[in-house]
Amino acid sequence: MNGRQCNDQDLATWVALDALQAPNTAPEPAVGAAPEAETPRERHARAPPDVVIIGCQEFVPLDAKQLLNAPQTTAVKTQGFERILLAMLQHTHGVKYVALRAADKLDQAPPLMGGLLTLVLVSEALLASVSQVHTVLVPTGLGGMMGNKGAIALRLSIGSASLVFVNLHLPSGESTQSLEQRNTTFREVLKQLEADLAAAKLPAADESITFCFGDFNFRLTVPNREARWRMGNRDWRTLLCSDQLVTQLSAEGSPFEHFDEAEIGFRPTYKYDVGTSEFDTSAKARAPAVV
């Protein structure tokens, strides 16, 4: 979020599902024809989401003043952000949602570490089925002293299912050394997550359905000019062949080796000029990347 404020309009597309917004383009049935029965898949597509996870990076500016001296101001900002999302979810889907907290943090603001913010919102009807909510903060910046990089992990049980959501902000940079720093950081996150879950006597991450999301900072290895040219031609397939994360997902020994990524059919998301859809035109002229 680049430490910037948001408004209601900015968040509208975050909480609206395409399946709920798409117009009905099916032809009208013939007069007297019996309506076709709705399939379970179609019924599910229309249903409001049971669980909504919002993960932000750089929710606040990553400067010393913000990271060290403004916890009260930050708590007010995170609580306000959460209230906006809860209200908008209810307005969009017609269902009331509740923000989850770990059992020992019920009276606190949503979990924030450095610029990382994680919100877990569940429908009120599902709340009785949720248990064992547990939050793990893993700062990795400056040798584990600062939360400008690292992860917030939140695990919960819904019925008999164990779920873990890991919001990541990994080190930036285009060099080989930066790539190794990202892998090292994620290994440290997984190691601390497992240790914390074991101490709390909760199921391990590899015994749960684990989702990782956030600012991974992996880059494309093609030259900047080629990346921009292929992006302009919507050549996502060739760009993905040069994506560092795609390589890590299949590399033996990589911390990402046992994760799968959904199919990507959109242009690179890094790095726009603020408030525009134009890629970086600053003096740095950063290359596009799918982060």
C-alpha atoms as a PDB file:
ATOM      1  CA  MET A   1       0.000   0.000   0.000  1.00  0.00           C
ATOM      2  CA  ASN A   2       3.078   2.213  -0.064  1.00  0.00           C
ATOM      3  CA  GLY A   3       2.075   3.665   3.325  1.00  0.00           C
ATOM      4  CA  ARG A   4      -0.834   5.541   1.772  1.00  0.00           C
ATOM      5  CA  GLN A   5      -4.387   6.125   2.954  1.00  0.00           C
ATOM      6  CA  CYS A   6      -7.296   4.350   1.286  1.00  0.00           C
ATOM      7  CA  ASN A   7     -10.958   5.207   0.878  1.00  0.00           C
ATOM      8  CA  ASP A   8     -14.178   3.299   0.461  1.00  0.00           C
ATOM      9  CA  GLN A   9     -14.077   3.434  -3.327  1.00  0.00           C
ATOM     10  CA  ASP A  10     -10.553   1.991  -3.433  1.00  0.00           C
ATOM     11  CA  LEU A  11     -11.724  -1.101  -1.531  1.00  0.00           C
ATOM     12  CA  ALA A  12     -14.881  -1.880  -3.500  1.00  0.00           C
ATOM     13  CA  THR A  13     -13.221  -4.332  -5.902  1.00  0.00           C
ATOM     14  CA  TRP A  14     -11.381  -6.066  -3.056  1.00  0.00           C
ATOM     15  CA  VAL A  15     -14.542  -7.451  -1.497  1.00  0.00           C
ATOM     16  CA  ALA A  16     -16.779  -8.001  -4.548  1.00  0.00           C
ATOM     17  CA  LEU A  17     -16.565 -11.374  -6.286  1.00  0.00           C
ATOM     18  CA  ASP A  18     -16.728 -11.467 -10.080  1.00  0.00           C
ATOM     19  CA  ALA A  19     -19.278 -14.273  -9.940  1.00  0.00           C
ATOM     20  CA  LEU A  20     -21.623 -12.049  -7.961  1.00  0.00           C
ATOM     21  CA  GLN A  21     -21.139  -9.034 -10.197  1.00  0.00           C
ATOM     22  CA  ALA A  22     -21.316 -10.663 -13.637  1.00  0.00           C
ATOM     23  CA  PRO A  23     -24.550 -10.033 -15.552  1.00  0.00           C
ATOM     24  CA  ASN A  24     -26.720 -12.981 -16.455  1.00  0.00           C
ATOM     25  CA  THR A  25     -26.044 -13.553 -20.153  1.00  0.00           C
ATOM     26  CA  ALA A  26     -27.892 -16.859 -20.425  1.00  0.00           C
ATOM     27  CA  PRO A  27     -30.754 -16.851 -22.990  1.00  0.00           C
ATOM     28  CA  GLU A  28     -34.287 -16.585 -21.663  1.00  0.00           C
ATOM     29  CA  PRO A  29     -36.056 -19.988 -21.501  1.00  0.00           C
ATOM     30  CA  ALA A  30     -38.810 -20.625 -24.025  1.00  0.00           C
ATOM     31  CA  VAL A  31     -42.360 -19.914 -22.898  1.00  0.00           C
ATOM     32  CA  GLY A  32     -43.659 -22.877 -20.941  1.00  0.00           C
ATOM     33  CA  ALA A  33     -40.231 -24.494 -20.658  1.00  0.00           C
ATOM     34  CA  ALA A  34     -39.304 -25.844 -17.252  1.00  0.00           C
ATOM     35  CA  PRO A  35     -36.345 -23.962 -15.710  1.00  0.00           C
ATOM     36  CA  GLU A  36     -33.108 -25.908 -15.542  1.00  0.00           C
ATOM     37  CA  ALA A  37     -32.069 -26.973 -12.065  1.00  0.00           C
ATOM     38  CA  GLU A  38     -29.210 -24.959 -10.612  1.00  0.00           C
ATOM     39  CA  THR A  39     -26.030 -27.004 -10.194  1.00  0.00           C
ATOM     40  CA  PRO A  40     -24.171 -27.056  -6.843  1.00  0.00           C
ATOM     41  CA  ARG A  41     -21.272 -25.256  -8.540  1.00  0.00           C
ATOM     42  CA  GLU A  42     -23.540 -22.450  -9.774  1.00  0.00           C
ATOM     43  CA  ARG A  43     -25.170 -22.153  -6.360  1.00  0.00           C
ATOM     44  CA  HIS A  44     -21.742 -21.976  -4.696  1.00  0.00           C
ATOM     45  CA  ALA A  45     -20.604 -19.277  -7.153  1.00  0.00           C
ATOM     46  CA  ARG A  46     -23.509 -17.073  -6.068  1.00  0.00           C
ATOM     47  CA  ALA A  47     -22.951 -17.600  -2.348  1.00  0.00           C
ATOM     48  CA  PRO A  48     -21.242 -14.917  -0.263  1.00  0.00           C
ATOM     49  CA  PRO A  49     -17.729 -15.894   0.864  1.00  0.00           C
ATOM     50  CA  ASP A  50     -17.524 -17.607   4.250  1.00  0.00           C
ATOM     51  CA  VAL A  51     -13.999 -16.362   4.975  1.00  0.00           C
ATOM     52  CA  VAL A  52     -12.260 -13.249   3.656  1.00  0.00           C
ATOM     53  CA  ILE A  53      -8.522 -12.743   4.171  1.00  0.00           C
ATOM     54  CA  ILE A  54      -6.945  -9.352   3.509  1.00  0.00           C
ATOM     55  CA  GLY A  55      -3.150  -9.104   3.596  1.00  0.00           C
ATOM     56  CA  CYS A  56      -1.441  -5.723   3.249  1.00  0.00           C
ATOM     57  CA  GLN A  57       2.216  -4.792   2.955  1.00  0.00           C
ATOM     58  CA  GLU A  58       3.545  -1.297   3.678  1.00  0.00           C
ATOM     59  CA  PHE A  59       0.236  -0.513   5.373  1.00  0.00           C
ATOM     60  CA  VAL A  60       2.123   2.261   7.151  1.00  0.00           C
ATOM     61  CA  PRO A  61       5.287   4.066   5.964  1.00  0.00           C
ATOM     62  CA  LEU A  62       8.375   1.987   6.706  1.00  0.00           C
ATOM     63  CA  ASP A  63      10.337   4.759   8.416  1.00  0.00           C
ATOM     64  CA  ALA A  64      11.905   4.782  11.879  1.00  0.00           C
ATOM     65  CA  LYS A  65       9.289   7.120  13.365  1.00  0.00           C
ATOM     66  CA  GLN A  66       6.403   4.949  12.259  1.00  0.00           C
ATOM     67  CA  LEU A  67       8.022   1.634  13.174  1.00  0.00           C
ATOM     68  CA  LEU A  68       9.190   2.702  16.628  1.00  0.00           C
ATOM     69  CA  ASN A  69       7.110   5.570  17.964  1.00  0.00           C
ATOM     70  CA  ALA A  70       3.500   5.451  16.784  1.00  0.00           C
ATOM     71  CA  PRO A  71       1.732   2.291  18.081  1.00  0.00           C
ATOM     72  CA  GLN A  72      -1.383   4.147  19.251  1.00  0.00           C
ATOM     73  CA  THR A  73      -1.846   6.000  15.950  1.00  0.00           C
ATOM     74  CA  THR A  74      -1.288   2.771  14.046  1.00  0.00           C
ATOM     75  CA  ALA A  75      -3.873   0.886  16.132  1.00  0.00           C
ATOM     76  CA  VAL A  76      -6.490   3.539  15.353  1.00  0.00           C
ATOM     77  CA  LYS A  77      -5.677   3.327  11.644  1.00  0.00           C
ATOM     78  CA  THR A  78      -5.867  -0.487  11.508  1.00  0.00           C
ATOM     79  CA  GLN A  79      -9.150  -0.576  13.420  1.00  0.00           C
ATOM     80  CA  GLY A  80     -10.637   2.042  11.103  1.00  0.00           C
ATOM     81  CA  PHE A  81      -9.514   0.066   8.055  1.00  0.00           C
ATOM     82  CA  GLU A  82     -11.083  -3.080   9.493  1.00  0.00           C
ATOM     83  CA  ARG A  83     -14.395  -1.298  10.174  1.00  0.00           C
ATOM     84  CA  ILE A  84     -14.530  -0.069   6.563  1.00  0.00           C
ATOM     85  CA  LEU A  85     -13.998  -3.597   5.239  1.00  0.00           C
ATOM     86  CA  LEU A  86     -16.580  -5.157   7.566  1.00  0.00           C
ATOM     87  CA  ALA A  87     -19.180  -2.577   6.577  1.00  0.00           C
ATOM     88  CA  MET A  88     -18.419  -2.931   2.881  1.00  0.00           C
ATOM     89  CA  LEU A  89     -18.552  -6.733   3.014  1.00  0.00           C
ATOM     90  CA  GLN A  90     -21.949  -6.649   4.655  1.00  0.00           C
ATOM     91  CA  HIS A  91     -23.216  -4.081   2.137  1.00  0.00           C
ATOM     92  CA  THR A  92     -21.850  -6.033  -0.848  1.00  0.00           C
ATOM     93  CA  HIS A  93     -22.918  -9.536   0.150  1.00  0.00           C
ATOM     94  CA  GLY A  94     -25.825  -8.938   2.532  1.00  0.00           C
ATOM     95  CA  VAL A  95     -24.150 -11.011   5.248  1.00  0.00           C
ATOM     96  CA  LYS A  96     -22.690  -9.840   8.552  1.00  0.00           C
ATOM     97  CA  TYR A  97     -18.989 -10.547   9.097  1.00  0.00           C
ATOM     98  CA  VAL A  98     -16.876 -10.713  12.254  1.00  0.00           C
ATOM     99  CA  ALA A  99     -13.155  -9.985  12.626  1.00  0.00           C
ATOM    100  CA  LEU A 100     -11.185 -12.838  14.190  1.00  0.00           C
ATOM    101  CA  ARG A 101      -8.618 -12.417  16.962  1.00  0.00           C
ATOM    102  CA  ALA A 102      -6.432 -14.925  18.749  1.00  0.00           C
ATOM    103  CA  ALA A 103      -7.917 -15.910  22.122  1.00  0.00           C
ATOM    104  CA  ASP A 104      -5.386 -13.812  24.065  1.00  0.00           C
ATOM    105  CA  LYS A 105      -5.806 -10.733  21.833  1.00  0.00           C
ATOM    106  CA  LEU A 106      -9.576 -10.240  21.722  1.00  0.00           C
ATOM    107  CA  ASP A 107      -9.392  -6.622  22.913  1.00  0.00           C
ATOM    108  CA  GLN A 108      -6.568  -5.567  20.597  1.00  0.00           C
ATOM    109  CA  ALA A 109      -6.305  -4.129  17.100  1.00  0.00           C
ATOM    110  CA  PRO A 110      -5.742  -6.462  14.112  1.00  0.00           C
ATOM    111  CA  PRO A 111      -2.235  -7.993  13.999  1.00  0.00           C
ATOM    112  CA  LEU A 112       0.236  -5.479  12.548  1.00  0.00           C
ATOM    113  CA  MET A 113       3.994  -5.978  12.287  1.00  0.00           C
ATOM    114  CA  GLY A 114       5.977  -3.189  10.707  1.00  0.00           C
ATOM    115  CA  GLY A 115       3.977  -2.533   7.551  1.00  0.00           C
ATOM    116  CA  LEU A 116       2.339  -5.975   7.458  1.00  0.00           C
ATOM    117  CA  LEU A 117      -1.356  -6.166   8.314  1.00  0.00           C
ATOM    118  CA  THR A 118      -3.545  -9.277   8.219  1.00  0.00           C
ATOM    119  CA  LEU A 119      -7.334  -9.234   8.564  1.00  0.00           C
ATOM    120  CA  VAL A 120      -9.352 -12.450   8.867  1.00  0.00           C
ATOM    121  CA  LEU A 121     -13.083 -11.852   8.496  1.00  0.00           C
ATOM    122  CA  VAL A 122     -15.638 -14.670   8.752  1.00  0.00           C
ATOM    123  CA  SER A 123     -19.383 -14.699   8.239  1.00  0.00           C
ATOM    124  CA  GLU A 124     -21.299 -14.515  11.514  1.00  0.00           C
ATOM    125  CA  ALA A 125     -23.053 -17.796  10.661  1.00  0.00           C
ATOM    126  CA  LEU A 126     -19.685 -19.588  10.481  1.00  0.00           C
ATOM    127  CA  LEU A 127     -18.286 -18.156  13.712  1.00  0.00           C
ATOM    128  CA  ALA A 128     -19.476 -21.041  15.913  1.00  0.00           C
ATOM    129  CA  SER A 129     -17.398 -23.459  13.786  1.00  0.00           C
ATOM    130  CA  VAL A 130     -14.145 -21.477  14.208  1.00  0.00           C
ATOM    131  CA  SER A 131     -11.670 -22.377  16.952  1.00  0.00           C
ATOM    132  CA  GLN A 132      -7.972 -22.372  17.891  1.00  0.00           C
ATOM    133  CA  VAL A 133      -7.188 -18.970  16.373  1.00  0.00           C
ATOM    134  CA  HIS A 134      -3.477 -18.311  16.779  1.00  0.00           C
ATOM    135  CA  THR A 135      -1.211 -15.538  15.487  1.00  0.00           C
ATOM    136  CA  VAL A 136       2.532 -15.790  14.862  1.00  0.00           C
ATOM    137  CA  LEU A 137       4.682 -12.715  14.136  1.00  0.00           C
ATOM    138  CA  VAL A 138       8.042 -13.376  12.465  1.00  0.00           C
ATOM    139  CA  PRO A 139      10.178 -10.221  12.049  1.00  0.00           C
ATOM    140  CA  THR A 140      13.249 -10.813   9.867  1.00  0.00           C
ATOM    141  CA  GLY A 141      14.466  -7.269   9.148  1.00  0.00           C
ATOM    142  CA  LEU A 142      17.834  -6.250  10.616  1.00  0.00           C
ATOM    143  CA  GLY A 143      18.609  -9.741  11.838  1.00  0.00           C
ATOM    144  CA  GLY A 144      15.141 -10.320  13.279  1.00  0.00           C
ATOM    145  CA  MET A 145      15.008  -6.996  15.130  1.00  0.00           C
ATOM    146  CA  MET A 146      12.613  -5.147  12.810  1.00  0.00           C
ATOM    147  CA  GLY A 147       9.275  -6.005  11.217  1.00  0.00           C
ATOM    148  CA  ASN A 148       9.839  -4.162   7.947  1.00  0.00           C
ATOM    149  CA  LYS A 149      10.365  -7.634   6.442  1.00  0.00           C
ATOM    150  CA  GLY A 150       9.066 -11.005   7.568  1.00  0.00           C
ATOM    151  CA  ALA A 151       5.597 -12.457   8.022  1.00  0.00           C
ATOM    152  CA  ILE A 152       2.356 -12.519   9.961  1.00  0.00           C
ATOM    153  CA  ALA A 153       0.932 -16.037  10.116  1.00  0.00           C
ATOM    154  CA  LEU A 154      -2.570 -16.717  11.359  1.00  0.00           C
ATOM    155  CA  ARG A 155      -3.914 -20.233  11.809  1.00  0.00           C
ATOM    156  CA  LEU A 156      -7.432 -21.337  12.698  1.00  0.00           C
ATOM    157  CA  SER A 157      -9.645 -24.385  12.642  1.00  0.00           C
ATOM    158  CA  ILE A 158     -12.987 -24.465  10.856  1.00  0.00           C
ATOM    159  CA  GLY A 159     -14.669 -27.649  11.948  1.00  0.00           C
ATOM    160  CA  SER A 160     -12.022 -30.333  11.475  1.00  0.00           C
ATOM    161  CA  ALA A 161     -10.019 -28.348   8.895  1.00  0.00           C
ATOM    162  CA  SER A 162      -6.794 -26.632   9.950  1.00  0.00           C
ATOM    163  CA  LEU A 163      -5.916 -23.508   7.922  1.00  0.00           C
ATOM    164  CA  VAL A 164      -2.800 -21.324   7.984  1.00  0.00           C
ATOM    165  CA  PHE A 165      -2.537 -17.943   6.243  1.00  0.00           C
ATOM    166  CA  VAL A 166       0.944 -16.449   5.860  1.00  0.00           C
ATOM    167  CA  ASN A 167       1.242 -12.784   4.854  1.00  0.00           C
ATOM    168  CA  LEU A 168       4.806 -12.209   3.593  1.00  0.00           C
ATOM    169  CA  HIS A 169       7.057  -9.284   2.804  1.00  0.00           C
ATOM    170  CA  LEU A 170      10.360 -10.624   1.467  1.00  0.00           C
ATOM    171  CA  PRO A 171      13.593  -8.710   0.700  1.00  0.00           C
ATOM    172  CA  SER A 172      13.710  -6.737  -2.550  1.00  0.00           C
ATOM    173  CA  GLY A 173      16.424  -6.541  -5.207  1.00  0.00           C
ATOM    174  CA  GLU A 174      17.224  -8.053  -8.600  1.00  0.00           C
ATOM    175  CA  SER A 175      20.586  -9.720  -7.881  1.00  0.00           C
ATOM    176  CA  THR A 176      21.254 -13.418  -7.251  1.00  0.00           C
ATOM    177  CA  GLN A 177      22.113 -12.486  -3.677  1.00  0.00           C
ATOM    178  CA  SER A 178      18.680 -10.870  -3.278  1.00  0.00           C
ATOM    179  CA  LEU A 179      17.049 -14.061  -4.555  1.00  0.00           C
ATOM    180  CA  GLU A 180      18.887 -16.073  -1.901  1.00  0.00           C
ATOM    181  CA  GLN A 181      17.861 -13.550   0.759  1.00  0.00           C
ATOM    182  CA  ARG A 182      14.219 -14.080  -0.173  1.00  0.00           C
ATOM    183  CA  ASN A 183      14.573 -17.854   0.124  1.00  0.00           C
ATOM    184  CA  THR A 184      16.469 -17.527   3.413  1.00  0.00           C
ATOM    185  CA  THR A 185      13.776 -15.237   4.817  1.00  0.00           C
ATOM    186  CA  PHE A 186      10.971 -17.624   3.865  1.00  0.00           C
ATOM    187  CA  ARG A 187      12.859 -20.563   5.404  1.00  0.00           C
ATOM    188  CA  GLU A 188      13.173 -18.586   8.639  1.00  0.00           C
ATOM    189  CA  VAL A 189       9.455 -17.776   8.553  1.00  0.00           C
ATOM    190  CA  LEU A 190       8.532 -21.453   8.120  1.00  0.00           C
ATOM    191  CA  LYS A 191      10.979 -22.508  10.857  1.00  0.00           C
ATOM    192  CA  GLN A 192       9.622 -20.030  13.402  1.00  0.00           C
ATOM    193  CA  LEU A 193       6.043 -20.785  12.430  1.00  0.00           C
ATOM    194  CA  GLU A 194       6.537 -24.511  13.052  1.00  0.00           C
ATOM    195  CA  ALA A 195       8.261 -23.863  16.389  1.00  0.00           C
ATOM    196  CA  ASP A 196       5.474 -21.566  17.565  1.00  0.00           C
ATOM    197  CA  LEU A 197       2.702 -23.945  16.509  1.00  0.00           C
ATOM    198  CA  ALA A 198       4.473 -26.830  18.248  1.00  0.00           C
ATOM    199  CA  ALA A 199       4.816 -24.775  21.451  1.00  0.00           C
ATOM    200  CA  ALA A 200       1.088 -23.995  21.292  1.00  0.00           C
ATOM    201  CA  LYS A 201       0.354 -27.703  20.659  1.00  0.00           C
ATOM    202  CA  LEU A 202      -1.396 -26.917  17.398  1.00  0.00           C
ATOM    203  CA  PRO A 203      -1.192 -28.831  14.089  1.00  0.00           C
ATOM    204  CA  ALA A 204       1.955 -28.101  12.080  1.00  0.00           C
ATOM    205  CA  ALA A 205       1.791 -26.069   8.871  1.00  0.00           C
ATOM    206  CA  ASP A 206       2.466 -29.174   6.766  1.00  0.00           C
ATOM    207  CA  GLU A 207      -0.555 -30.811   8.426  1.00  0.00           C
ATOM    208  CA  SER A 208      -2.738 -27.849   7.482  1.00  0.00           C
ATOM    209  CA  ILE A 209      -3.952 -26.146   4.319  1.00  0.00           C
ATOM    210  CA  THR A 210      -1.397 -23.330   4.076  1.00  0.00           C
ATOM    211  CA  PHE A 211      -1.804 -20.204   1.947  1.00  0.00           C
ATOM    212  CA  CYS A 212       1.063 -17.763   1.356  1.00  0.00           C
ATOM    213  CA  PHE A 213       0.485 -14.324  -0.117  1.00  0.00           C
ATOM    214  CA  GLY A 214       2.001 -10.846  -0.057  1.00  0.00           C
ATOM    215  CA  ASP A 215       4.930  -8.961  -1.535  1.00  0.00           C
ATOM    216  CA  PHE A 216       7.343 -11.754  -2.427  1.00  0.00           C
ATOM    217  CA  ASN A 217       9.568  -9.378  -4.438  1.00  0.00           C
ATOM    218  CA  PHE A 218      10.584 -12.062  -6.947  1.00  0.00           C
ATOM    219  CA  ARG A 219      11.574 -10.558 -10.294  1.00  0.00           C
ATOM    220  CA  LEU A 220      11.672 -11.371 -14.009  1.00  0.00           C
ATOM    221  CA  THR A 221      15.112 -12.305 -15.262  1.00  0.00           C
ATOM    222  CA  VAL A 222      14.666 -10.875 -18.774  1.00  0.00           C
ATOM    223  CA  PRO A 223      16.036  -7.386 -19.548  1.00  0.00           C
ATOM    224  CA  ASN A 224      13.820  -4.441 -18.633  1.00  0.00           C
ATOM    225  CA  ARG A 225      13.203  -3.435 -22.253  1.00  0.00           C
ATOM    226  CA  GLU A 226      12.182  -6.961 -23.252  1.00  0.00           C
ATOM    227  CA  ALA A 227       9.898  -7.295 -20.222  1.00  0.00           C
ATOM    228  CA  ARG A 228       8.095  -4.072 -21.129  1.00  0.00           C
ATOM    229  CA  TRP A 229       7.806  -5.097 -24.785  1.00  0.00           C
ATOM    230  CA  ARG A 230       6.364  -8.520 -23.942  1.00  0.00           C
ATOM    231  CA  MET A 231       4.043  -6.952 -21.405  1.00  0.00           C
ATOM    232  CA  GLY A 232       2.764  -4.587 -24.088  1.00  0.00           C
ATOM    233  CA  ASN A 233       2.057  -7.615 -26.285  1.00  0.00           C
ATOM    234  CA  ARG A 234       0.322  -9.493 -23.465  1.00  0.00           C
ATOM    235  CA  ASP A 235       2.879 -12.279 -23.737  1.00  0.00           C
ATOM    236  CA  TRP A 236       2.353 -13.519 -20.182  1.00  0.00           C
ATOM    237  CA  ARG A 237       3.553 -17.061 -20.925  1.00  0.00           C
ATOM    238  CA  THR A 238       7.058 -16.009 -21.972  1.00  0.00           C
ATOM    239  CA  LEU A 239       7.301 -13.583 -19.047  1.00  0.00           C
ATOM    240  CA  LEU A 240       6.329 -16.312 -16.597  1.00  0.00           C
ATOM    241  CA  CYS A 241       9.079 -18.556 -17.965  1.00  0.00           C
ATOM    242  CA  SER A 242      11.549 -15.968 -16.651  1.00  0.00           C
ATOM    243  CA  ASP A 243       9.790 -15.444 -13.319  1.00  0.00           C
ATOM    244  CA  GLN A 244      11.998 -16.288 -10.329  1.00  0.00           C
ATOM    245  CA  LEU A 245       9.117 -17.627  -8.249  1.00  0.00           C
ATOM    246  CA  VAL A 246       8.031 -20.050 -10.969  1.00  0.00           C
ATOM    247  CA  THR A 247      11.560 -21.483 -10.873  1.00  0.00           C
ATOM    248  CA  GLN A 248      11.517 -21.718  -7.073  1.00  0.00           C
ATOM    249  CA  LEU A 249       8.201 -23.579  -7.057  1.00  0.00           C
ATOM    250  CA  SER A 250       9.822 -26.475  -8.914  1.00  0.00           C
ATOM    251  CA  ALA A 251      13.406 -26.257  -7.584  1.00  0.00           C
ATOM    252  CA  GLU A 252      14.476 -29.137  -5.342  1.00  0.00           C
ATOM    253  CA  GLY A 253      15.349 -27.860  -1.884  1.00  0.00           C
ATOM    254  CA  SER A 254      13.583 -24.531  -2.398  1.00  0.00           C
ATOM    255  CA  PRO A 255      11.385 -23.421   0.542  1.00  0.00           C
ATOM    256  CA  PHE A 256       8.600 -22.950  -2.025  1.00  0.00           C
ATOM    257  CA  GLU A 257       9.009 -26.458  -3.458  1.00  0.00           C
ATOM    258  CA  HIS A 258       5.775 -27.898  -2.039  1.00  0.00           C
ATOM    259  CA  PHE A 259       3.557 -24.914  -2.856  1.00  0.00           C
ATOM    260  CA  ASP A 260       1.409 -24.439  -5.961  1.00  0.00           C
ATOM    261  CA  GLU A 261       0.463 -21.149  -7.583  1.00  0.00           C
ATOM    262  CA  ALA A 262      -2.818 -20.421  -9.326  1.00  0.00           C
ATOM    263  CA  GLU A 263      -2.672 -19.705 -13.053  1.00  0.00           C
ATOM    264  CA  ILE A 264      -1.668 -16.115 -13.860  1.00  0.00           C
ATOM    265  CA  GLY A 265      -3.550 -14.335 -16.629  1.00  0.00           C
ATOM    266  CA  PHE A 266      -2.781 -10.714 -15.809  1.00  0.00           C
ATOM    267  CA  ARG A 267       0.052  -8.346 -16.534  1.00  0.00           C
ATOM    268  CA  PRO A 268       2.918  -7.725 -14.079  1.00  0.00           C
ATOM    269  CA  THR A 269       1.890  -5.884 -10.919  1.00  0.00           C
ATOM    270  CA  TYR A 270       5.255  -4.227 -10.146  1.00  0.00           C
ATOM    271  CA  LYS A 271       5.894  -1.307 -10.202  1.00  0.00           C
ATOM    272  CA  TYR A 272       3.439   1.435 -11.147  1.00  0.00           C
ATOM    273  CA  ASP A 273       3.802   5.177 -10.830  1.00  0.00           C
ATOM    274  CA  VAL A 274       1.596   6.082  -7.877  1.00  0.00           C
ATOM    275  CA  GLY A 275      -2.035   6.656  -8.843  1.00  0.00           C
ATOM    276  CA  THR A 276      -1.571   5.492 -12.442  1.00  0.00           C
ATOM    277  CA  SER A 277      -1.435   2.332 -14.569  1.00  0.00           C
ATOM    278  CA  GLU A 278       1.959   3.344 -15.970  1.00  0.00           C
ATOM    279  CA  PHE A 279       5.063   1.322 -15.127  1.00  0.00           C
ATOM    280  CA  ASP A 280       7.892   3.010 -13.287  1.00  0.00           C
ATOM    281  CA  THR A 281       9.032   6.146 -15.129  1.00  0.00           C
ATOM    282  CA  SER A 282      11.319   7.356 -12.328  1.00  0.00           C
ATOM    283  CA  ALA A 283      15.078   7.527 -12.680  1.00  0.00           C
ATOM    284  CA  LYS A 284      15.266   3.948 -11.349  1.00  0.00           C
ATOM    285  CA  ALA A 285      13.000   2.689 -14.189  1.00  0.00           C
ATOM    286  CA  ARG A 286      12.425  -0.602 -12.389  1.00  0.00           C
ATOM    287  CA  ALA A 287      11.681  -3.597 -14.608  1.00  0.00           C
ATOM    288  CA  PRO A 288       8.134  -5.025 -14.501  1.00  0.00           C
ATOM    289  CA  ALA A 289       7.676  -8.102 -12.326  1.00  0.00           C
ATOM    290  CA  VAL A 290       4.919 -10.376 -11.064  1.00  0.00           C
ATOM    291  CA  VAL A 291       5.282  -9.997  -7.313  1.00  0.00           C
END
